[in-house]
Amino acid sequence: MDMSLDDLKKRLRQVDVMIVEDDQAQCEELRDFLDWSRVTYHVVNDGLSALEALEQLEPKVLILDIRLPGVDGIHVAKEVAKRPNPPVTILVSGHMDSVIEANESPAQRFRVIEKPVDLRLIGRFIHDALEKKPA
């Protein structure tokens, strides 16, 4: 099958999951899980790097820590929600006040879960997002 240059560029930008996490232990756990699941992923460790990477990449799922250095995860999630085809966004936090704040956000287009992350739940969200047919 012949693929146009535009199709090829789009395919190269696609990753299944982007992880935005500054906690190295949590990041390693998610990476191990995604490696085991054979899911393509990209990792960044702060909100500004996430926004910059999202200019180039089109993940289907965004796993996003709420408390990040610099730009916080809620701000990143709100920016991502403005996209024409935003990824499924999963906000995670070990701080209950951040979870409550995210759940009360008017841009409630995302799932919010508390750390420690339940990998079965993350796996289900990723599976559902990857199985969803494009509109």
Protein backbone atom coordinates (compact mmCIF):
# COMPACT_ATOMS: atom_id res chain seq x y z
CA MET A 1 0.00 0.00 0.00
CA ASP A 2 1.38 3.41 -0.98
CA MET A 3 1.38 6.02 1.74
CA SER A 4 1.52 9.75 1.06
CA LEU A 5 4.16 11.87 2.74
CA ASP A 6 1.45 13.53 4.85
CA ASP A 7 0.13 10.13 5.96
CA LEU A 8 3.65 9.03 6.83
CA LYS A 9 4.32 12.19 8.85
CA LYS A 10 1.06 11.75 10.73
CA ARG A 11 1.83 8.11 11.48
CA LEU A 12 5.28 9.01 12.82
CA ARG A 13 3.71 11.56 15.18
CA GLN A 14 1.31 9.04 16.64
CA VAL A 15 2.06 7.35 19.89
CA ASP A 16 -0.48 5.43 21.84
CA VAL A 17 0.33 7.00 25.22
CA MET A 18 2.18 10.03 26.56
CA ILE A 19 3.27 9.91 30.19
CA VAL A 20 3.82 13.23 31.96
CA GLU A 21 5.21 12.39 35.39
CA ASP A 22 7.96 13.90 37.55
CA ASP A 23 8.03 11.05 40.11
CA GLN A 24 10.67 8.70 38.71
CA ALA A 25 9.40 5.61 40.57
CA GLN A 26 5.83 6.14 39.30
CA CYS A 27 7.16 6.84 35.81
CA GLU A 28 9.21 3.63 35.82
CA GLU A 29 6.18 1.60 36.94
CA LEU A 30 4.09 3.03 34.09
CA ARG A 31 6.90 2.44 31.57
CA ASP A 32 7.30 -1.18 32.67
CA PHE A 33 3.55 -1.71 32.35
CA LEU A 34 3.43 -0.14 28.88
CA ASP A 35 6.50 -2.11 27.75
CA TRP A 36 4.78 -5.30 28.92
CA SER A 37 1.59 -4.22 27.13
CA ARG A 38 3.53 -3.49 23.91
CA VAL A 39 2.06 0.00 23.73
CA THR A 40 4.07 2.80 22.14
CA TYR A 41 4.69 5.69 24.49
CA HIS A 42 6.61 8.92 25.01
CA VAL A 43 7.70 10.26 28.42
CA VAL A 44 8.25 13.83 29.62
CA ASN A 45 8.76 15.02 33.19
CA ASP A 46 7.10 18.45 33.38
CA GLY A 47 4.13 20.40 32.07
CA LEU A 48 6.02 22.72 29.72
CA SER A 49 7.78 19.77 28.07
CA ALA A 50 4.39 18.10 27.68
CA LEU A 51 2.91 21.12 25.89
CA GLU A 52 5.97 21.30 23.62
CA ALA A 53 5.86 17.56 22.83
CA LEU A 54 2.13 17.77 22.11
CA GLU A 55 2.93 20.21 19.30
CA GLN A 56 4.60 17.28 17.50
CA LEU A 57 2.91 14.15 18.85
CA GLU A 58 -0.69 12.98 18.76
CA PRO A 59 -1.13 10.48 21.59
CA LYS A 60 -4.41 8.67 22.00
CA VAL A 61 -3.99 8.62 25.79
CA LEU A 62 -2.34 11.19 28.04
CA ILE A 63 -1.37 10.06 31.56
CA LEU A 64 -0.75 13.31 33.37
CA ASP A 65 0.41 13.99 36.92
CA ILE A 66 -1.46 16.94 38.41
CA ARG A 67 1.40 18.38 40.46
CA LEU A 68 4.24 19.02 38.04
CA PRO A 69 7.14 21.47 38.12
CA GLY A 70 6.29 24.69 36.29
CA VAL A 71 3.04 24.26 34.38
CA ASP A 72 0.67 22.00 36.35
CA GLY A 73 -1.24 19.04 34.94
CA ILE A 74 -4.66 20.68 35.16
CA HIS A 75 -3.45 23.53 32.92
CA VAL A 76 -1.99 21.02 30.44
CA ALA A 77 -5.27 19.04 30.46
CA LYS A 78 -7.30 22.18 29.74
CA GLU A 79 -5.01 23.11 26.84
CA VAL A 80 -5.18 19.59 25.42
CA ALA A 81 -9.00 19.58 25.71
CA LYS A 82 -9.12 22.50 23.23
CA ARG A 83 -7.72 20.31 20.43
CA PRO A 84 -10.04 19.03 17.69
CA ASN A 85 -9.39 15.37 18.63
CA PRO A 86 -8.00 15.45 22.16
CA PRO A 87 -6.54 12.31 23.68
CA VAL A 88 -8.22 10.51 26.53
CA THR A 89 -6.64 12.28 29.49
CA ILE A 90 -6.03 10.54 32.79
CA LEU A 91 -4.98 12.86 35.60
CA VAL A 92 -3.19 11.23 38.52
CA SER A 93 -2.16 12.61 41.88
CA GLY A 94 -1.03 11.44 45.27
CA HIS A 95 -2.58 14.53 46.83
CA MET A 96 -6.30 14.30 47.55
CA ASP A 97 -6.77 18.10 47.34
CA SER A 98 -5.46 18.00 43.76
CA VAL A 99 -7.83 15.16 42.89
CA ILE A 100 -10.78 17.11 44.32
CA GLU A 101 -9.73 20.28 42.45
CA ALA A 102 -9.42 18.38 39.16
CA ASN A 103 -12.82 16.75 39.63
CA GLU A 104 -14.39 20.18 40.16
CA SER A 105 -12.76 21.70 37.08
CA PRO A 106 -15.20 23.10 34.50
CA ALA A 107 -13.10 21.46 31.76
CA GLN A 108 -14.09 18.02 33.07
CA ARG A 109 -13.14 16.09 29.94
CA PHE A 110 -10.78 13.79 31.73
CA ARG A 111 -10.56 10.98 34.22
CA VAL A 112 -8.96 11.59 37.60
CA ILE A 113 -7.43 8.85 39.73
CA GLU A 114 -5.47 8.85 42.95
CA LYS A 115 -1.96 7.50 43.39
CA PRO A 116 -0.76 4.89 43.84
CA VAL A 117 -1.99 4.20 40.32
CA ASP A 118 -3.99 1.01 39.79
CA LEU A 119 -2.37 -0.39 36.64
CA ARG A 120 -5.46 -2.47 35.86
CA LEU A 121 -7.52 0.73 35.73
CA ILE A 122 -4.92 2.49 33.58
CA GLY A 123 -4.84 -0.57 31.32
CA ARG A 124 -8.61 -0.51 30.91
CA PHE A 125 -8.62 3.22 30.04
CA ILE A 126 -5.84 2.70 27.49
CA HIS A 127 -7.53 -0.34 25.97
CA ASP A 128 -10.84 1.52 25.66
CA ALA A 129 -9.14 4.53 24.04
CA LEU A 130 -7.14 2.44 21.57
CA GLU A 131 -10.17 0.37 20.60
CA LYS A 132 -12.28 3.47 19.92
CA LYS A 133 -12.82 3.95 16.20
CA PRO A 134 -11.95 7.39 14.79
CA ALA A 135 -14.93 9.62 14.04
